[in-house]
Amino acid sequence: ELKLRDKDFDVLQFLIENVGHPCSHEKIIETIWDGTFVENASVDKSIANIRKVLGDDVRNPSYIKTIRSKGY
């Protein structure tokens, strides 16, 4: 059993639902934080938390790939 914070779970679910399509910080914020002002760092922190729980390596990702200037 893996434990994620609610927002981290929501971000992971969003990424899964959009697999194969780049997800920008803006789209993730718009969808997950629904109008609440947050910075891109909030998305980065969620992604880092998800990677930690999944044991995913940012340099050689198995689950979440960073696409430079496009998102995840």
PDB file of N, CA and C in Angstrom:
ATOM      1  N   GLU A   1       0.838  -1.176   0.000  1.00  0.00           N
ATOM      2  CA  GLU A   1       0.000   0.000   0.000  1.00  0.00           C
ATOM      3  C   GLU A   1       0.886   1.243   0.000  1.00  0.00           C
ATOM      4  N   LEU A   2       0.584   2.170  -0.903  1.00  0.00           N
ATOM      5  CA  LEU A   2       1.327   3.418  -0.988  1.00  0.00           C
ATOM      6  C   LEU A   2       0.429   4.550  -0.534  1.00  0.00           C
ATOM      7  N   LYS A   3       1.003   5.471   0.204  1.00  0.00           N
ATOM      8  CA  LYS A   3       0.219   6.598   0.718  1.00  0.00           C
ATOM      9  C   LYS A   3       0.641   7.885   0.041  1.00  0.00           C
ATOM     10  N   LEU A   4      -0.360   8.615  -0.468  1.00  0.00           N
ATOM     11  CA  LEU A   4      -0.148   9.914  -1.092  1.00  0.00           C
ATOM     12  C   LEU A   4      -1.062  10.934  -0.434  1.00  0.00           C
ATOM     13  N   ARG A   5      -0.606  12.168  -0.378  1.00  0.00           N
ATOM     14  CA  ARG A   5      -1.483  13.245   0.066  1.00  0.00           C
ATOM     15  C   ARG A   5      -2.586  13.418  -0.980  1.00  0.00           C
ATOM     16  N   ASP A   6      -3.700  13.994  -0.575  1.00  0.00           N
ATOM     17  CA  ASP A   6      -4.849  14.127  -1.469  1.00  0.00           C
ATOM     18  C   ASP A   6      -4.495  14.825  -2.789  1.00  0.00           C
ATOM     19  N   LYS A   7      -3.832  15.975  -2.714  1.00  0.00           N
ATOM     20  CA  LYS A   7      -3.479  16.708  -3.942  1.00  0.00           C
ATOM     21  C   LYS A   7      -2.506  15.909  -4.803  1.00  0.00           C
ATOM     22  N   ASP A   8      -1.575  15.228  -4.165  1.00  0.00           N
ATOM     23  CA  ASP A   8      -0.627  14.410  -4.921  1.00  0.00           C
ATOM     24  C   ASP A   8      -1.371  13.293  -5.654  1.00  0.00           C
ATOM     25  N   PHE A   9      -2.327  12.674  -4.980  1.00  0.00           N
ATOM     26  CA  PHE A   9      -3.137  11.632  -5.620  1.00  0.00           C
ATOM     27  C   PHE A   9      -3.905  12.214  -6.804  1.00  0.00           C
ATOM     28  N   ASP A  10      -4.474  13.402  -6.613  1.00  0.00           N
ATOM     29  CA  ASP A  10      -5.224  14.051  -7.690  1.00  0.00           C
ATOM     30  C   ASP A  10      -4.323  14.337  -8.892  1.00  0.00           C
ATOM     31  N   VAL A  11      -3.105  14.790  -8.634  1.00  0.00           N
ATOM     32  CA  VAL A  11      -2.152  15.049  -9.719  1.00  0.00           C
ATOM     33  C   VAL A  11      -1.812  13.741 -10.429  1.00  0.00           C
ATOM     34  N   LEU A  12      -1.539  12.695  -9.684  1.00  0.00           N
ATOM     35  CA  LEU A  12      -1.221  11.397 -10.284  1.00  0.00           C
ATOM     36  C   LEU A  12      -2.387  10.895 -11.132  1.00  0.00           C
ATOM     37  N   GLN A  13      -3.584  10.994 -10.609  1.00  0.00           N
ATOM     38  CA  GLN A  13      -4.761  10.555 -11.359  1.00  0.00           C
ATOM     39  C   GLN A  13      -4.912  11.364 -12.650  1.00  0.00           C
ATOM     40  N   PHE A  14      -4.694  12.672 -12.571  1.00  0.00           N
ATOM     41  CA  PHE A  14      -4.769  13.527 -13.757  1.00  0.00           C
ATOM     42  C   PHE A  14      -3.742  13.095 -14.802  1.00  0.00           C
ATOM     43  N   LEU A  15      -2.519  12.822 -14.360  1.00  0.00           N
ATOM     44  CA  LEU A  15      -1.480  12.381 -15.296  1.00  0.00           C
ATOM     45  C   LEU A  15      -1.848  11.047 -15.943  1.00  0.00           C
ATOM     46  N   ILE A  16      -2.402  10.139 -15.152  1.00  0.00           N
ATOM     47  CA  ILE A  16      -2.811   8.834 -15.686  1.00  0.00           C
ATOM     48  C   ILE A  16      -3.922   9.010 -16.721  1.00  0.00           C
ATOM     49  N   GLU A  17      -4.880   9.868 -16.408  1.00  0.00           N
ATOM     50  CA  GLU A  17      -5.991  10.105 -17.331  1.00  0.00           C
ATOM     51  C   GLU A  17      -5.533  10.772 -18.626  1.00  0.00           C
ATOM     52  N   ASN A  18      -4.386  11.425 -18.598  1.00  0.00           N
ATOM     53  CA  ASN A  18      -3.870  12.137 -19.769  1.00  0.00           C
ATOM     54  C   ASN A  18      -2.595  11.513 -20.315  1.00  0.00           C
ATOM     55  N   VAL A  19      -2.383  10.237 -20.038  1.00  0.00           N
ATOM     56  CA  VAL A  19      -1.172   9.560 -20.490  1.00  0.00           C
ATOM     57  C   VAL A  19      -1.035   9.721 -22.007  1.00  0.00           C
ATOM     58  N   GLY A  20       0.188  10.018 -22.445  1.00  0.00           N
ATOM     59  CA  GLY A  20       0.454  10.206 -23.861  1.00  0.00           C
ATOM     60  C   GLY A  20       0.303  11.641 -24.319  1.00  0.00           C
ATOM     61  N   HIS A  21      -0.186  12.508 -23.427  1.00  0.00           N
ATOM     62  CA  HIS A  21      -0.357  13.927 -23.745  1.00  0.00           C
ATOM     63  C   HIS A  21       0.406  14.744 -22.716  1.00  0.00           C
ATOM     64  N   PRO A  22       1.265  15.651 -23.169  1.00  0.00           N
ATOM     65  CA  PRO A  22       1.991  16.490 -22.207  1.00  0.00           C
ATOM     66  C   PRO A  22       1.019  17.297 -21.346  1.00  0.00           C
ATOM     67  N   CYS A  23       1.278  17.342 -20.051  1.00  0.00           N
ATOM     68  CA  CYS A  23       0.447  18.084 -19.103  1.00  0.00           C
ATOM     69  C   CYS A  23       1.271  19.238 -18.551  1.00  0.00           C
ATOM     70  N   SER A  24       0.898  20.447 -18.927  1.00  0.00           N
ATOM     71  CA  SER A  24       1.624  21.632 -18.490  1.00  0.00           C
ATOM     72  C   SER A  24       1.312  21.956 -17.035  1.00  0.00           C
ATOM     73  N   HIS A  25       2.205  22.739 -16.440  1.00  0.00           N
ATOM     74  CA  HIS A  25       1.953  23.212 -15.075  1.00  0.00           C
ATOM     75  C   HIS A  25       0.605  23.920 -15.016  1.00  0.00           C
ATOM     76  N   GLU A  26       0.354  24.767 -16.013  1.00  0.00           N
ATOM     77  CA  GLU A  26      -0.875  25.554 -16.029  1.00  0.00           C
ATOM     78  C   GLU A  26      -2.115  24.667 -16.064  1.00  0.00           C
ATOM     79  N   LYS A  27      -2.105  23.634 -16.904  1.00  0.00           N
ATOM     80  CA  LYS A  27      -3.254  22.730 -17.013  1.00  0.00           C
ATOM     81  C   LYS A  27      -3.449  21.945 -15.725  1.00  0.00           C
ATOM     82  N   ILE A  28      -2.364  21.512 -15.123  1.00  0.00           N
ATOM     83  CA  ILE A  28      -2.465  20.773 -13.855  1.00  0.00           C
ATOM     84  C   ILE A  28      -3.032  21.684 -12.772  1.00  0.00           C
ATOM     85  N   ILE A  29      -2.521  22.906 -12.690  1.00  0.00           N
ATOM     86  CA  ILE A  29      -3.011  23.854 -11.681  1.00  0.00           C
ATOM     87  C   ILE A  29      -4.485  24.163 -11.920  1.00  0.00           C
ATOM     88  N   GLU A  30      -4.845  24.425 -13.166  1.00  0.00           N
ATOM     89  CA  GLU A  30      -6.227  24.749 -13.515  1.00  0.00           C
ATOM     90  C   GLU A  30      -7.176  23.614 -13.130  1.00  0.00           C
ATOM     91  N   THR A  31      -6.755  22.394 -13.361  1.00  0.00           N
ATOM     92  CA  THR A  31      -7.609  21.238 -13.102  1.00  0.00           C
ATOM     93  C   THR A  31      -7.622  20.840 -11.632  1.00  0.00           C
ATOM     94  N   ILE A  32      -6.464  20.760 -11.014  1.00  0.00           N
ATOM     95  CA  ILE A  32      -6.366  20.230  -9.653  1.00  0.00           C
ATOM     96  C   ILE A  32      -6.658  21.284  -8.592  1.00  0.00           C
ATOM     97  N   TRP A  33      -6.148  22.475  -8.782  1.00  0.00           N
ATOM     98  CA  TRP A  33      -6.339  23.518  -7.763  1.00  0.00           C
ATOM     99  C   TRP A  33      -7.551  24.396  -8.063  1.00  0.00           C
ATOM    100  N   ASP A  34      -8.200  24.169  -9.198  1.00  0.00           N
ATOM    101  CA  ASP A  34      -9.499  24.748  -9.547  1.00  0.00           C
ATOM    102  C   ASP A  34      -9.676  26.219  -9.159  1.00  0.00           C
ATOM    103  N   GLY A  35      -8.848  27.071  -9.756  1.00  0.00           N
ATOM    104  CA  GLY A  35      -9.002  28.499  -9.535  1.00  0.00           C
ATOM    105  C   GLY A  35      -8.238  29.073  -8.354  1.00  0.00           C
ATOM    106  N   THR A  36      -7.702  28.229  -7.502  1.00  0.00           N
ATOM    107  CA  THR A  36      -6.892  28.698  -6.381  1.00  0.00           C
ATOM    108  C   THR A  36      -5.518  29.082  -6.913  1.00  0.00           C
ATOM    109  N   PHE A  37      -5.011  30.237  -6.497  1.00  0.00           N
ATOM    110  CA  PHE A  37      -3.699  30.657  -6.969  1.00  0.00           C
ATOM    111  C   PHE A  37      -2.608  29.838  -6.293  1.00  0.00           C
ATOM    112  N   VAL A  38      -1.858  29.121  -7.089  1.00  0.00           N
ATOM    113  CA  VAL A  38      -0.663  28.408  -6.618  1.00  0.00           C
ATOM    114  C   VAL A  38       0.423  28.610  -7.659  1.00  0.00           C
ATOM    115  N   GLU A  39       1.650  28.452  -7.247  1.00  0.00           N
ATOM    116  CA  GLU A  39       2.779  28.606  -8.161  1.00  0.00           C
ATOM    117  C   GLU A  39       3.160  27.263  -8.761  1.00  0.00           C
ATOM    118  N   ASN A  40       3.952  27.318  -9.825  1.00  0.00           N
ATOM    119  CA  ASN A  40       4.427  26.093 -10.468  1.00  0.00           C
ATOM    120  C   ASN A  40       5.152  25.185  -9.488  1.00  0.00           C
ATOM    121  N   ALA A  41       5.755  25.784  -8.462  1.00  0.00           N
ATOM    122  CA  ALA A  41       6.481  24.995  -7.466  1.00  0.00           C
ATOM    123  C   ALA A  41       5.560  24.017  -6.751  1.00  0.00           C
ATOM    124  N   SER A  42       4.278  24.330  -6.642  1.00  0.00           N
ATOM    125  CA  SER A  42       3.327  23.402  -6.012  1.00  0.00           C
ATOM    126  C   SER A  42       3.186  22.130  -6.840  1.00  0.00           C
ATOM    127  N   VAL A  43       3.152  22.293  -8.157  1.00  0.00           N
ATOM    128  CA  VAL A  43       3.089  21.132  -9.046  1.00  0.00           C
ATOM    129  C   VAL A  43       4.386  20.349  -8.939  1.00  0.00           C
ATOM    130  N   ASP A  44       5.513  21.055  -8.974  1.00  0.00           N
ATOM    131  CA  ASP A  44       6.816  20.392  -8.876  1.00  0.00           C
ATOM    132  C   ASP A  44       6.926  19.591  -7.584  1.00  0.00           C
ATOM    133  N   LYS A  45       6.432  20.153  -6.498  1.00  0.00           N
ATOM    134  CA  LYS A  45       6.492  19.458  -5.208  1.00  0.00           C
ATOM    135  C   LYS A  45       5.614  18.212  -5.231  1.00  0.00           C
ATOM    136  N   SER A  46       4.422  18.312  -5.803  1.00  0.00           N
ATOM    137  CA  SER A  46       3.547  17.140  -5.919  1.00  0.00           C
ATOM    138  C   SER A  46       4.203  16.045  -6.743  1.00  0.00           C
ATOM    139  N   ILE A  47       4.794  16.436  -7.867  1.00  0.00           N
ATOM    140  CA  ILE A  47       5.467  15.463  -8.734  1.00  0.00           C
ATOM    141  C   ILE A  47       6.620  14.806  -7.974  1.00  0.00           C
ATOM    142  N   ALA A  48       7.389  15.604  -7.241  1.00  0.00           N
ATOM    143  CA  ALA A  48       8.502  15.056  -6.461  1.00  0.00           C
ATOM    144  C   ALA A  48       7.991  14.076  -5.412  1.00  0.00           C
ATOM    145  N   ASN A  49       6.893  14.402  -4.750  1.00  0.00           N
ATOM    146  CA  ASN A  49       6.313  13.507  -3.739  1.00  0.00           C
ATOM    147  C   ASN A  49       5.831  12.204  -4.374  1.00  0.00           C
ATOM    148  N   ILE A  50       5.180  12.322  -5.525  1.00  0.00           N
ATOM    149  CA  ILE A  50       4.699  11.125  -6.228  1.00  0.00           C
ATOM    150  C   ILE A  50       5.879  10.252  -6.639  1.00  0.00           C
ATOM    151  N   ARG A  51       6.907  10.864  -7.199  1.00  0.00           N
ATOM    152  CA  ARG A  51       8.084  10.098  -7.614  1.00  0.00           C
ATOM    153  C   ARG A  51       8.722   9.389  -6.422  1.00  0.00           C
ATOM    154  N   LYS A  52       8.778  10.069  -5.285  1.00  0.00           N
ATOM    155  CA  LYS A  52       9.368   9.472  -4.088  1.00  0.00           C
ATOM    156  C   LYS A  52       8.572   8.244  -3.651  1.00  0.00           C
ATOM    157  N   VAL A  53       7.261   8.377  -3.607  1.00  0.00           N
ATOM    158  CA  VAL A  53       6.408   7.259  -3.184  1.00  0.00           C
ATOM    159  C   VAL A  53       6.509   6.090  -4.163  1.00  0.00           C
ATOM    160  N   LEU A  54       6.577   6.407  -5.459  1.00  0.00           N
ATOM    161  CA  LEU A  54       6.659   5.346  -6.470  1.00  0.00           C
ATOM    162  C   LEU A  54       8.068   4.808  -6.671  1.00  0.00           C
ATOM    163  N   GLY A  55       9.057   5.481  -6.078  1.00  0.00           N
ATOM    164  CA  GLY A  55      10.444   5.063  -6.273  1.00  0.00           C
ATOM    165  C   GLY A  55      10.934   5.378  -7.678  1.00  0.00           C
ATOM    166  N   ASP A  56      10.399   6.431  -8.268  1.00  0.00           N
ATOM    167  CA  ASP A  56      10.749   6.821  -9.636  1.00  0.00           C
ATOM    168  C   ASP A  56      11.963   7.748  -9.613  1.00  0.00           C
ATOM    169  N   ASP A  57      12.899   7.502 -10.494  1.00  0.00           N
ATOM    170  CA  ASP A  57      14.128   8.298 -10.587  1.00  0.00           C
ATOM    171  C   ASP A  57      13.947   9.408 -11.608  1.00  0.00           C
ATOM    172  N   VAL A  58      14.111  10.650 -11.179  1.00  0.00           N
ATOM    173  CA  VAL A  58      13.927  11.795 -12.071  1.00  0.00           C
ATOM    174  C   VAL A  58      14.870  11.743 -13.270  1.00  0.00           C
ATOM    175  N   ARG A  59      16.064  11.194 -13.105  1.00  0.00           N
ATOM    176  CA  ARG A  59      17.044  11.125 -14.200  1.00  0.00           C
ATOM    177  C   ARG A  59      16.752  10.000 -15.185  1.00  0.00           C
ATOM    178  N   ASN A  60      16.098   8.963 -14.698  1.00  0.00           N
ATOM    179  CA  ASN A  60      15.754   7.809 -15.527  1.00  0.00           C
ATOM    180  C   ASN A  60      14.348   7.352 -15.134  1.00  0.00           C
ATOM    181  N   PRO A  61      13.332   8.155 -15.477  1.00  0.00           N
ATOM    182  CA  PRO A  61      11.980   7.889 -14.980  1.00  0.00           C
ATOM    183  C   PRO A  61      11.323   6.659 -15.611  1.00  0.00           C
ATOM    184  N   SER A  62      10.590   5.952 -14.787  1.00  0.00           N
ATOM    185  CA  SER A  62       9.781   4.835 -15.260  1.00  0.00           C
ATOM    186  C   SER A  62       8.315   5.229 -15.386  1.00  0.00           C
ATOM    187  N   TYR A  63       7.901   6.210 -14.599  1.00  0.00           N
ATOM    188  CA  TYR A  63       6.483   6.560 -14.532  1.00  0.00           C
ATOM    189  C   TYR A  63       6.175   7.976 -15.008  1.00  0.00           C
ATOM    190  N   ILE A  64       6.912   8.959 -14.520  1.00  0.00           N
ATOM    191  CA  ILE A  64       6.617  10.360 -14.846  1.00  0.00           C
ATOM    192  C   ILE A  64       7.834  10.987 -15.515  1.00  0.00           C
ATOM    193  N   LYS A  65       7.672  11.327 -16.770  1.00  0.00           N
ATOM    194  CA  LYS A  65       8.753  11.930 -17.535  1.00  0.00           C
ATOM    195  C   LYS A  65       8.548  13.445 -17.598  1.00  0.00           C
ATOM    196  N   THR A  66       9.594  14.200 -17.348  1.00  0.00           N
ATOM    197  CA  THR A  66       9.551  15.649 -17.509  1.00  0.00           C
ATOM    198  C   THR A  66       9.854  15.966 -18.972  1.00  0.00           C
ATOM    199  N   ILE A  67       8.969  16.748 -19.582  1.00  0.00           N
ATOM    200  CA  ILE A  67       9.147  17.174 -20.962  1.00  0.00           C
ATOM    201  C   ILE A  67       9.483  18.662 -20.923  1.00  0.00           C
ATOM    202  N   ARG A  68      10.722  18.966 -21.179  1.00  0.00           N
ATOM    203  CA  ARG A  68      11.231  20.329 -21.061  1.00  0.00           C
ATOM    204  C   ARG A  68      10.329  21.340 -21.784  1.00  0.00           C
ATOM    205  N   SER A  69       9.951  22.384 -21.071  1.00  0.00           N
ATOM    206  CA  SER A  69       9.107  23.478 -21.566  1.00  0.00           C
ATOM    207  C   SER A  69       7.679  23.078 -21.895  1.00  0.00           C
ATOM    208  N   LYS A  70       7.302  21.837 -21.599  1.00  0.00           N
ATOM    209  CA  LYS A  70       5.935  21.381 -21.901  1.00  0.00           C
ATOM    210  C   LYS A  70       5.209  20.844 -20.681  1.00  0.00           C
ATOM    211  N   GLY A  71       5.929  20.268 -19.732  1.00  0.00           N
ATOM    212  CA  GLY A  71       5.281  19.723 -18.546  1.00  0.00           C
ATOM    213  C   GLY A  71       5.725  18.307 -18.250  1.00  0.00           C
ATOM    214  N   TYR A  72       4.732  17.467 -17.979  1.00  0.00           N
ATOM    215  CA  TYR A  72       4.998  16.073 -17.590  1.00  0.00           C
ATOM    216  C   TYR A  72       4.200  15.125 -18.467  1.00  0.00           C
TER     217      TYR A  72
END
